[in-house]
Amino acid sequence: MANETMSIFFPLKILTYPEGEYGLEDSPMVITPAEAVSYEDAILAAIAKVNRLFENDRGLAEYIRDETLNKKVYSLYPSVEIVDGELWGVMTVGLKESLSGEETAELLDFVTGQNSDGYGEGLEQRPIKTPDGEIYVSFWNHENYSLKLEQEMKNSSPDLGYGSQVMG
């Protein structure tokens, strides 16, 4: 079981395709993080459905290849959370023991990989039904991608967001 938890936040990319005469791919509309707040329940339900496919109670942690990191990280679950009126992606990490700086960096790399190619790629291909139509949620926003640990998210005021490490 996990002794401590850690949250890793990242921006989402959420698109909707308004019905038009030319088919869906033509003009996706971007839903802002603030607008996305109203879709939180629908997105959480869709994520819960995907998360039920995990074969044990460790979530994505079972795919961590590094042996030391795999032993320290008990569980890793993707979700979304509202911070300062905006919807963010979040990975909740259950730790058996604290990570070194190097291990934290390695975990952030793993999360980036899952968001861009692994878990995130599967999620973004599933339409999520909302009262306003279908939306597509991506954990990978390559134009504006960075990972922030919980302390950075909760302690920084919105206009001081320059100190974060940019991954990608």
N, C-alpha and C. Protein backbone atom coordinates (compact mmCIF):
# COMPACT_ATOMS: atom_id res chain seq x y z
N MET A 1 0.83 -1.21 0.00
CA MET A 1 0.00 0.00 0.00
C MET A 1 0.86 1.26 0.00
N ALA A 2 0.26 2.32 -0.45
CA ALA A 2 1.01 3.58 -0.54
C ALA A 2 1.09 4.28 0.82
N ASN A 3 2.23 4.87 1.09
CA ASN A 3 2.43 5.64 2.32
C ASN A 3 2.19 7.12 2.11
N GLU A 4 2.47 7.60 0.91
CA GLU A 4 2.26 9.02 0.62
C GLU A 4 1.78 9.15 -0.82
N THR A 5 1.17 10.28 -1.12
CA THR A 5 0.73 10.51 -2.49
C THR A 5 1.35 11.79 -3.02
N MET A 6 1.42 11.84 -4.32
CA MET A 6 1.99 12.98 -5.01
C MET A 6 1.08 13.21 -6.22
N SER A 7 0.86 14.47 -6.58
CA SER A 7 0.05 14.76 -7.75
C SER A 7 0.90 15.48 -8.78
N ILE A 8 0.76 15.05 -10.02
CA ILE A 8 1.47 15.67 -11.13
C ILE A 8 0.42 16.25 -12.07
N PHE A 9 0.47 17.56 -12.29
CA PHE A 9 -0.54 18.24 -13.11
C PHE A 9 0.01 18.57 -14.49
N PHE A 10 -0.89 18.63 -15.47
CA PHE A 10 -0.51 18.98 -16.84
C PHE A 10 -1.71 19.56 -17.56
N PRO A 11 -1.46 20.42 -18.56
CA PRO A 11 -2.58 21.02 -19.29
C PRO A 11 -3.25 19.99 -20.19
N LEU A 12 -4.53 20.15 -20.38
CA LEU A 12 -5.30 19.27 -21.26
C LEU A 12 -5.50 19.97 -22.60
N LYS A 13 -5.77 19.19 -23.61
CA LYS A 13 -6.21 19.75 -24.90
C LYS A 13 -7.57 19.13 -25.16
N ILE A 14 -8.60 19.96 -25.22
CA ILE A 14 -9.95 19.43 -25.39
C ILE A 14 -10.55 20.05 -26.64
N LEU A 15 -11.02 19.17 -27.52
CA LEU A 15 -11.57 19.61 -28.80
C LEU A 15 -13.01 19.14 -28.95
N THR A 16 -13.77 19.89 -29.71
CA THR A 16 -15.09 19.44 -30.12
C THR A 16 -15.21 19.74 -31.61
N TYR A 17 -15.98 18.92 -32.29
CA TYR A 17 -16.16 19.10 -33.73
C TYR A 17 -17.60 19.48 -33.99
N PRO A 18 -17.85 20.77 -34.21
CA PRO A 18 -19.23 21.19 -34.45
C PRO A 18 -19.74 20.53 -35.73
N GLU A 19 -20.97 20.12 -35.71
CA GLU A 19 -21.53 19.46 -36.89
C GLU A 19 -21.62 20.48 -38.02
N GLY A 20 -21.02 20.12 -39.13
CA GLY A 20 -21.07 21.02 -40.27
C GLY A 20 -21.34 20.19 -41.51
N GLU A 21 -21.45 20.84 -42.64
CA GLU A 21 -21.77 20.07 -43.83
C GLU A 21 -20.55 19.36 -44.38
N TYR A 22 -19.35 19.72 -43.91
CA TYR A 22 -18.14 19.18 -44.53
C TYR A 22 -17.57 17.98 -43.79
N GLY A 23 -18.26 17.48 -42.81
CA GLY A 23 -17.68 16.36 -42.06
C GLY A 23 -16.95 16.88 -40.84
N LEU A 24 -16.57 15.96 -39.97
CA LEU A 24 -16.10 16.34 -38.64
C LEU A 24 -14.69 16.90 -38.59
N GLU A 25 -13.77 16.38 -39.41
CA GLU A 25 -12.36 16.73 -39.20
C GLU A 25 -12.04 18.17 -39.57
N ASP A 26 -12.95 18.83 -40.28
CA ASP A 26 -12.60 20.12 -40.86
C ASP A 26 -12.25 21.21 -39.87
N SER A 27 -13.08 21.41 -38.88
CA SER A 27 -12.84 22.58 -38.04
C SER A 27 -13.07 22.28 -36.58
N PRO A 28 -12.08 21.65 -35.94
CA PRO A 28 -12.25 21.40 -34.51
C PRO A 28 -12.22 22.72 -33.75
N MET A 29 -13.04 22.80 -32.71
CA MET A 29 -13.01 23.96 -31.84
C MET A 29 -12.32 23.56 -30.54
N VAL A 30 -11.45 24.44 -30.05
CA VAL A 30 -10.75 24.18 -28.81
C VAL A 30 -11.63 24.64 -27.65
N ILE A 31 -11.74 23.80 -26.65
CA ILE A 31 -12.46 24.16 -25.42
C ILE A 31 -11.40 24.59 -24.41
N THR A 32 -11.54 25.79 -23.87
CA THR A 32 -10.53 26.30 -22.94
C THR A 32 -10.61 25.55 -21.60
N PRO A 33 -9.51 25.59 -20.83
CA PRO A 33 -9.52 24.95 -19.51
C PRO A 33 -10.65 25.48 -18.61
N ALA A 34 -10.98 26.76 -18.75
CA ALA A 34 -12.07 27.32 -17.93
C ALA A 34 -13.42 26.78 -18.41
N GLU A 35 -13.63 26.70 -19.74
CA GLU A 35 -14.89 26.14 -20.26
C GLU A 35 -15.00 24.66 -19.93
N ALA A 36 -13.87 23.98 -19.87
CA ALA A 36 -13.86 22.53 -19.64
C ALA A 36 -14.37 22.14 -18.26
N VAL A 37 -14.35 23.09 -17.32
CA VAL A 37 -14.82 22.81 -15.96
C VAL A 37 -16.24 22.24 -15.99
N SER A 38 -17.07 22.75 -16.90
CA SER A 38 -18.46 22.27 -16.95
C SER A 38 -18.56 20.83 -17.45
N TYR A 39 -17.49 20.30 -18.01
CA TYR A 39 -17.50 18.91 -18.51
C TYR A 39 -16.78 17.94 -17.57
N GLU A 40 -16.40 18.45 -16.39
CA GLU A 40 -15.61 17.62 -15.48
C GLU A 40 -16.25 16.26 -15.21
N ASP A 41 -17.54 16.24 -14.90
CA ASP A 41 -18.20 14.96 -14.56
C ASP A 41 -18.16 13.99 -15.72
N ALA A 42 -18.44 14.47 -16.93
CA ALA A 42 -18.43 13.59 -18.11
C ALA A 42 -17.03 13.05 -18.36
N ILE A 43 -16.03 13.90 -18.19
CA ILE A 43 -14.64 13.48 -18.41
C ILE A 43 -14.22 12.47 -17.34
N LEU A 44 -14.57 12.74 -16.07
CA LEU A 44 -14.25 11.80 -15.00
C LEU A 44 -14.89 10.43 -15.24
N ALA A 45 -16.13 10.43 -15.73
CA ALA A 45 -16.82 9.17 -16.01
C ALA A 45 -16.10 8.41 -17.12
N ALA A 46 -15.67 9.12 -18.16
CA ALA A 46 -14.96 8.47 -19.27
C ALA A 46 -13.62 7.90 -18.80
N ILE A 47 -12.91 8.66 -17.96
CA ILE A 47 -11.62 8.19 -17.43
C ILE A 47 -11.83 6.97 -16.55
N ALA A 48 -12.88 6.99 -15.74
CA ALA A 48 -13.17 5.85 -14.86
C ALA A 48 -13.39 4.58 -15.68
N LYS A 49 -14.08 4.74 -16.82
CA LYS A 49 -14.31 3.59 -17.71
C LYS A 49 -13.01 3.01 -18.22
N VAL A 50 -12.10 3.89 -18.66
CA VAL A 50 -10.80 3.45 -19.17
C VAL A 50 -9.99 2.83 -18.03
N ASN A 51 -10.03 3.45 -16.84
CA ASN A 51 -9.23 2.96 -15.71
C ASN A 51 -9.69 1.59 -15.24
N ARG A 52 -10.94 1.23 -15.51
CA ARG A 52 -11.41 -0.11 -15.12
C ARG A 52 -10.70 -1.21 -15.90
N LEU A 53 -10.04 -0.83 -16.99
CA LEU A 53 -9.34 -1.83 -17.80
C LEU A 53 -8.00 -2.25 -17.20
N PHE A 54 -7.51 -1.51 -16.19
CA PHE A 54 -6.25 -1.90 -15.56
C PHE A 54 -6.43 -3.27 -14.92
N GLU A 55 -5.36 -4.09 -15.01
CA GLU A 55 -5.50 -5.47 -14.55
C GLU A 55 -5.25 -5.62 -13.06
N ASN A 56 -4.79 -4.59 -12.39
CA ASN A 56 -4.61 -4.68 -10.93
C ASN A 56 -4.82 -3.30 -10.33
N ASP A 57 -4.54 -3.15 -9.04
CA ASP A 57 -4.84 -1.87 -8.38
C ASP A 57 -3.69 -0.88 -8.46
N ARG A 58 -2.76 -1.08 -9.39
CA ARG A 58 -1.61 -0.18 -9.50
C ARG A 58 -1.77 0.83 -10.63
N GLY A 59 -2.78 0.68 -11.46
CA GLY A 59 -2.95 1.61 -12.57
C GLY A 59 -1.78 1.55 -13.53
N LEU A 60 -1.30 2.71 -13.95
CA LEU A 60 -0.19 2.78 -14.91
C LEU A 60 1.15 2.39 -14.29
N ALA A 61 1.22 2.32 -12.96
CA ALA A 61 2.50 2.00 -12.30
C ALA A 61 3.02 0.63 -12.73
N GLU A 62 2.12 -0.27 -13.10
CA GLU A 62 2.59 -1.61 -13.48
C GLU A 62 3.44 -1.57 -14.75
N TYR A 63 3.38 -0.47 -15.52
CA TYR A 63 4.14 -0.38 -16.77
C TYR A 63 5.49 0.32 -16.60
N ILE A 64 5.81 0.75 -15.40
CA ILE A 64 7.11 1.41 -15.17
C ILE A 64 8.21 0.35 -15.28
N ARG A 65 9.13 0.57 -16.22
CA ARG A 65 10.15 -0.45 -16.49
C ARG A 65 11.29 -0.44 -15.49
N ASP A 66 11.67 0.75 -15.03
CA ASP A 66 12.79 0.85 -14.09
C ASP A 66 12.41 0.16 -12.78
N GLU A 67 13.23 -0.82 -12.40
CA GLU A 67 12.89 -1.67 -11.25
C GLU A 67 12.79 -0.89 -9.94
N THR A 68 13.77 -0.02 -9.68
CA THR A 68 13.76 0.75 -8.43
C THR A 68 12.53 1.64 -8.36
N LEU A 69 12.26 2.34 -9.47
CA LEU A 69 11.11 3.24 -9.51
C LEU A 69 9.81 2.44 -9.37
N ASN A 70 9.75 1.30 -10.03
CA ASN A 70 8.55 0.45 -9.96
C ASN A 70 8.28 0.00 -8.53
N LYS A 71 9.34 -0.26 -7.77
CA LYS A 71 9.16 -0.68 -6.37
C LYS A 71 8.67 0.47 -5.49
N LYS A 72 9.12 1.69 -5.77
CA LYS A 72 8.74 2.83 -4.94
C LYS A 72 7.36 3.38 -5.29
N VAL A 73 7.00 3.31 -6.59
CA VAL A 73 5.71 3.84 -7.02
C VAL A 73 4.69 2.70 -6.96
N TYR A 74 3.79 2.77 -5.98
CA TYR A 74 2.81 1.71 -5.83
C TYR A 74 1.70 1.82 -6.88
N SER A 75 1.22 3.05 -7.10
CA SER A 75 0.12 3.22 -8.05
C SER A 75 0.25 4.56 -8.77
N LEU A 76 -0.38 4.61 -9.96
CA LEU A 76 -0.35 5.82 -10.78
C LEU A 76 -1.65 5.86 -11.55
N TYR A 77 -2.51 6.82 -11.19
CA TYR A 77 -3.82 6.91 -11.82
C TYR A 77 -4.06 8.27 -12.46
N PRO A 78 -4.48 8.27 -13.73
CA PRO A 78 -4.83 9.51 -14.42
C PRO A 78 -6.22 9.99 -14.03
N SER A 79 -6.38 11.31 -14.00
CA SER A 79 -7.68 11.90 -13.74
C SER A 79 -7.66 13.35 -14.20
N VAL A 80 -8.66 14.12 -13.77
CA VAL A 80 -8.68 15.57 -14.00
C VAL A 80 -9.10 16.24 -12.71
N GLU A 81 -8.70 17.50 -12.55
CA GLU A 81 -9.02 18.22 -11.32
C GLU A 81 -9.13 19.71 -11.65
N ILE A 82 -10.00 20.38 -10.93
CA ILE A 82 -10.14 21.82 -11.12
C ILE A 82 -9.18 22.54 -10.19
N VAL A 83 -8.34 23.41 -10.77
CA VAL A 83 -7.43 24.23 -9.99
C VAL A 83 -7.62 25.67 -10.46
N ASP A 84 -7.93 26.56 -9.54
CA ASP A 84 -8.12 27.98 -9.87
C ASP A 84 -9.09 28.19 -11.03
N GLY A 85 -10.18 27.45 -11.04
CA GLY A 85 -11.21 27.67 -12.05
C GLY A 85 -10.89 27.11 -13.43
N GLU A 86 -9.86 26.27 -13.52
CA GLU A 86 -9.51 25.63 -14.79
C GLU A 86 -9.37 24.13 -14.60
N LEU A 87 -9.71 23.39 -15.65
CA LEU A 87 -9.59 21.93 -15.58
C LEU A 87 -8.21 21.50 -16.05
N TRP A 88 -7.53 20.73 -15.21
CA TRP A 88 -6.19 20.22 -15.50
C TRP A 88 -6.21 18.70 -15.48
N GLY A 89 -5.30 18.10 -16.23
CA GLY A 89 -5.05 16.68 -16.10
C GLY A 89 -4.19 16.48 -14.87
N VAL A 90 -4.36 15.35 -14.22
CA VAL A 90 -3.55 15.06 -13.04
C VAL A 90 -3.26 13.56 -12.98
N MET A 91 -2.05 13.23 -12.60
CA MET A 91 -1.68 11.85 -12.30
C MET A 91 -1.49 11.78 -10.80
N THR A 92 -2.24 10.91 -10.16
CA THR A 92 -2.09 10.74 -8.72
C THR A 92 -1.17 9.53 -8.49
N VAL A 93 -0.10 9.80 -7.79
CA VAL A 93 0.95 8.81 -7.58
C VAL A 93 0.89 8.33 -6.14
N GLY A 94 0.77 7.02 -5.95
CA GLY A 94 0.87 6.44 -4.61
C GLY A 94 2.28 5.93 -4.42
N LEU A 95 2.96 6.44 -3.40
CA LEU A 95 4.37 6.08 -3.19
C LEU A 95 4.53 5.20 -1.96
N LYS A 96 5.37 4.17 -2.08
CA LYS A 96 5.73 3.37 -0.92
C LYS A 96 6.83 4.08 -0.14
N GLU A 97 7.71 4.76 -0.88
CA GLU A 97 8.75 5.57 -0.24
C GLU A 97 9.06 6.76 -1.12
N SER A 98 9.64 7.80 -0.52
CA SER A 98 9.92 9.04 -1.25
C SER A 98 10.88 8.81 -2.40
N LEU A 99 10.73 9.64 -3.43
CA LEU A 99 11.59 9.54 -4.60
C LEU A 99 12.73 10.55 -4.50
N SER A 100 13.89 10.18 -5.03
CA SER A 100 14.99 11.13 -5.16
C SER A 100 14.64 12.09 -6.30
N GLY A 101 15.41 13.15 -6.43
CA GLY A 101 15.21 14.09 -7.53
C GLY A 101 15.29 13.40 -8.88
N GLU A 102 16.27 12.52 -9.01
CA GLU A 102 16.46 11.78 -10.26
C GLU A 102 15.27 10.86 -10.54
N GLU A 103 14.78 10.18 -9.52
CA GLU A 103 13.63 9.29 -9.70
C GLU A 103 12.37 10.08 -10.04
N THR A 104 12.22 11.27 -9.42
CA THR A 104 11.08 12.12 -9.75
C THR A 104 11.14 12.51 -11.23
N ALA A 105 12.33 12.90 -11.70
CA ALA A 105 12.51 13.27 -13.11
C ALA A 105 12.16 12.09 -14.01
N GLU A 106 12.57 10.90 -13.61
CA GLU A 106 12.28 9.70 -14.39
C GLU A 106 10.77 9.42 -14.42
N LEU A 107 10.11 9.63 -13.28
CA LEU A 107 8.66 9.44 -13.22
C LEU A 107 7.97 10.46 -14.13
N LEU A 108 8.44 11.72 -14.13
CA LEU A 108 7.85 12.74 -14.99
C LEU A 108 8.02 12.36 -16.46
N ASP A 109 9.16 11.79 -16.81
CA ASP A 109 9.37 11.31 -18.19
C ASP A 109 8.37 10.21 -18.53
N PHE A 110 8.17 9.30 -17.58
CA PHE A 110 7.23 8.20 -17.79
C PHE A 110 5.82 8.75 -18.00
N VAL A 111 5.42 9.72 -17.17
CA VAL A 111 4.09 10.32 -17.29
C VAL A 111 3.95 11.02 -18.65
N THR A 112 4.98 11.74 -19.06
CA THR A 112 4.95 12.40 -20.37
C THR A 112 4.73 11.37 -21.48
N GLY A 113 5.44 10.25 -21.40
CA GLY A 113 5.28 9.19 -22.40
C GLY A 113 3.89 8.61 -22.40
N GLN A 114 3.34 8.38 -21.21
CA GLN A 114 1.97 7.85 -21.12
C GLN A 114 0.97 8.85 -21.67
N ASN A 115 1.17 10.13 -21.38
CA ASN A 115 0.24 11.15 -21.83
C ASN A 115 0.28 11.32 -23.34
N SER A 116 1.47 11.24 -23.94
CA SER A 116 1.58 11.50 -25.37
C SER A 116 1.30 10.26 -26.21
N ASP A 117 1.76 9.10 -25.78
CA ASP A 117 1.65 7.91 -26.63
C ASP A 117 0.86 6.77 -26.03
N GLY A 118 0.88 6.63 -24.72
CA GLY A 118 0.28 5.45 -24.10
C GLY A 118 -1.18 5.67 -23.76
N TYR A 119 -1.42 5.82 -22.49
CA TYR A 119 -2.77 6.01 -21.97
C TYR A 119 -3.48 7.16 -22.66
N GLY A 120 -2.80 8.29 -22.76
CA GLY A 120 -3.41 9.50 -23.31
C GLY A 120 -3.88 9.33 -24.75
N GLU A 121 -3.11 8.56 -25.52
CA GLU A 121 -3.47 8.35 -26.92
C GLU A 121 -4.77 7.55 -27.02
N GLY A 122 -4.93 6.56 -26.15
CA GLY A 122 -6.17 5.79 -26.14
C GLY A 122 -7.36 6.63 -25.73
N LEU A 123 -7.14 7.47 -24.71
CA LEU A 123 -8.23 8.30 -24.20
C LEU A 123 -8.70 9.30 -25.25
N GLU A 124 -7.75 9.94 -25.96
CA GLU A 124 -8.14 11.02 -26.86
C GLU A 124 -8.91 10.51 -28.08
N GLN A 125 -8.91 9.19 -28.29
CA GLN A 125 -9.64 8.64 -29.43
C GLN A 125 -11.07 8.25 -29.07
N ARG A 126 -11.41 8.40 -27.80
CA ARG A 126 -12.78 8.05 -27.36
C ARG A 126 -13.61 9.31 -27.22
N PRO A 127 -14.67 9.42 -28.01
CA PRO A 127 -15.54 10.59 -27.84
C PRO A 127 -16.24 10.53 -26.48
N ILE A 128 -16.35 11.68 -25.84
CA ILE A 128 -17.04 11.78 -24.55
C ILE A 128 -18.32 12.57 -24.79
N LYS A 129 -19.44 11.95 -24.49
CA LYS A 129 -20.73 12.60 -24.74
C LYS A 129 -21.02 13.64 -23.65
N THR A 130 -21.43 14.82 -24.09
CA THR A 130 -21.85 15.87 -23.17
C THR A 130 -23.15 16.44 -23.71
N PRO A 131 -23.89 17.21 -22.90
CA PRO A 131 -25.14 17.82 -23.40
C PRO A 131 -24.89 18.71 -24.62
N ASP A 132 -23.65 19.21 -24.77
CA ASP A 132 -23.35 20.11 -25.89
C ASP A 132 -22.78 19.38 -27.10
N GLY A 133 -22.69 18.05 -27.03
CA GLY A 133 -22.08 17.31 -28.14
C GLY A 133 -20.86 16.57 -27.64
N GLU A 134 -20.18 15.88 -28.56
CA GLU A 134 -19.03 15.07 -28.16
C GLU A 134 -17.78 15.92 -28.03
N ILE A 135 -16.98 15.60 -27.02
CA ILE A 135 -15.68 16.24 -26.86
C ILE A 135 -14.60 15.17 -26.86
N TYR A 136 -13.40 15.58 -27.19
CA TYR A 136 -12.25 14.69 -27.19
C TYR A 136 -11.20 15.29 -26.27
N VAL A 137 -10.76 14.50 -25.29
CA VAL A 137 -9.83 15.00 -24.28
C VAL A 137 -8.47 14.38 -24.50
N SER A 138 -7.47 15.22 -24.64
CA SER A 138 -6.10 14.73 -24.80
C SER A 138 -5.27 15.15 -23.60
N PHE A 139 -4.49 14.21 -23.08
CA PHE A 139 -3.56 14.51 -21.99
C PHE A 139 -2.27 15.09 -22.56
N TRP A 140 -2.21 15.24 -23.87
CA TRP A 140 -0.99 15.72 -24.51
C TRP A 140 -1.32 16.99 -25.27
N ASN A 141 -0.74 18.10 -24.82
CA ASN A 141 -0.96 19.37 -25.48
C ASN A 141 0.42 19.89 -25.87
N HIS A 142 0.90 19.45 -27.05
CA HIS A 142 2.31 19.68 -27.38
C HIS A 142 2.68 21.15 -27.50
N GLU A 143 1.71 22.03 -27.77
CA GLU A 143 2.05 23.45 -27.89
C GLU A 143 2.34 24.06 -26.52
N ASN A 144 1.76 23.50 -25.49
CA ASN A 144 1.78 24.18 -24.20
C ASN A 144 1.92 23.12 -23.12
N TYR A 145 2.99 22.31 -23.19
CA TYR A 145 3.05 21.17 -22.30
C TYR A 145 4.09 21.36 -21.23
N SER A 146 3.67 21.17 -20.01
CA SER A 146 4.62 21.14 -18.91
C SER A 146 3.99 20.33 -17.80
N LEU A 147 4.82 19.75 -16.99
CA LEU A 147 4.33 19.01 -15.83
C LEU A 147 4.65 19.83 -14.59
N LYS A 148 3.69 19.88 -13.68
CA LYS A 148 3.91 20.61 -12.44
C LYS A 148 3.56 19.72 -11.27
N LEU A 149 4.41 19.73 -10.27
CA LEU A 149 4.08 19.00 -9.06
C LEU A 149 3.08 19.83 -8.26
N GLU A 150 2.37 19.15 -7.38
CA GLU A 150 1.27 19.79 -6.64
C GLU A 150 1.69 21.08 -5.95
N GLN A 151 2.89 21.09 -5.33
CA GLN A 151 3.35 22.29 -4.62
C GLN A 151 3.40 23.48 -5.58
N GLU A 152 3.89 23.25 -6.81
CA GLU A 152 3.99 24.34 -7.79
C GLU A 152 2.60 24.82 -8.19
N MET A 153 1.67 23.88 -8.35
CA MET A 153 0.32 24.23 -8.79
C MET A 153 -0.40 25.05 -7.74
N LYS A 154 -0.35 24.59 -6.51
CA LYS A 154 -1.19 25.18 -5.47
C LYS A 154 -0.55 26.42 -4.86
N ASN A 155 0.77 26.56 -4.98
CA ASN A 155 1.42 27.70 -4.32
C ASN A 155 1.72 28.86 -5.23
N SER A 156 1.58 28.67 -6.55
CA SER A 156 1.94 29.77 -7.44
C SER A 156 0.67 30.54 -7.77
N SER A 157 0.79 31.85 -7.79
CA SER A 157 -0.37 32.61 -8.25
C SER A 157 -0.37 32.54 -9.77
N PRO A 158 -1.54 32.63 -10.40
CA PRO A 158 -1.65 32.39 -11.84
C PRO A 158 -0.70 33.22 -12.69
N ASP A 159 -0.33 34.44 -12.26
CA ASP A 159 0.52 35.25 -13.12
C ASP A 159 2.00 35.01 -12.90
N LEU A 160 2.35 34.03 -12.08
CA LEU A 160 3.77 33.75 -11.87
C LEU A 160 4.16 32.38 -12.42
N GLY A 161 3.52 31.97 -13.50
CA GLY A 161 3.74 30.61 -14.00
C GLY A 161 4.98 30.40 -14.83
N TYR A 162 6.02 31.22 -14.64
CA TYR A 162 7.18 31.08 -15.53
C TYR A 162 8.24 30.12 -15.03
N GLY A 163 8.21 29.76 -13.76
CA GLY A 163 9.30 28.98 -13.21
C GLY A 163 9.20 27.49 -13.48
N SER A 164 8.16 27.05 -14.17
CA SER A 164 7.96 25.61 -14.30
C SER A 164 8.85 25.04 -15.39
N GLN A 165 9.22 23.79 -15.17
CA GLN A 165 10.05 23.10 -16.14
C GLN A 165 9.19 22.69 -17.32
N VAL A 166 9.66 22.96 -18.52
CA VAL A 166 8.88 22.60 -19.71
C VAL A 166 9.42 21.29 -20.24
N MET A 167 8.52 20.34 -20.42
CA MET A 167 8.93 19.03 -20.93
C MET A 167 8.46 18.94 -22.37
N GLY A 168 9.21 18.21 -23.18
CA GLY A 168 8.67 18.00 -24.53
C GLY A 168 9.73 18.13 -25.58
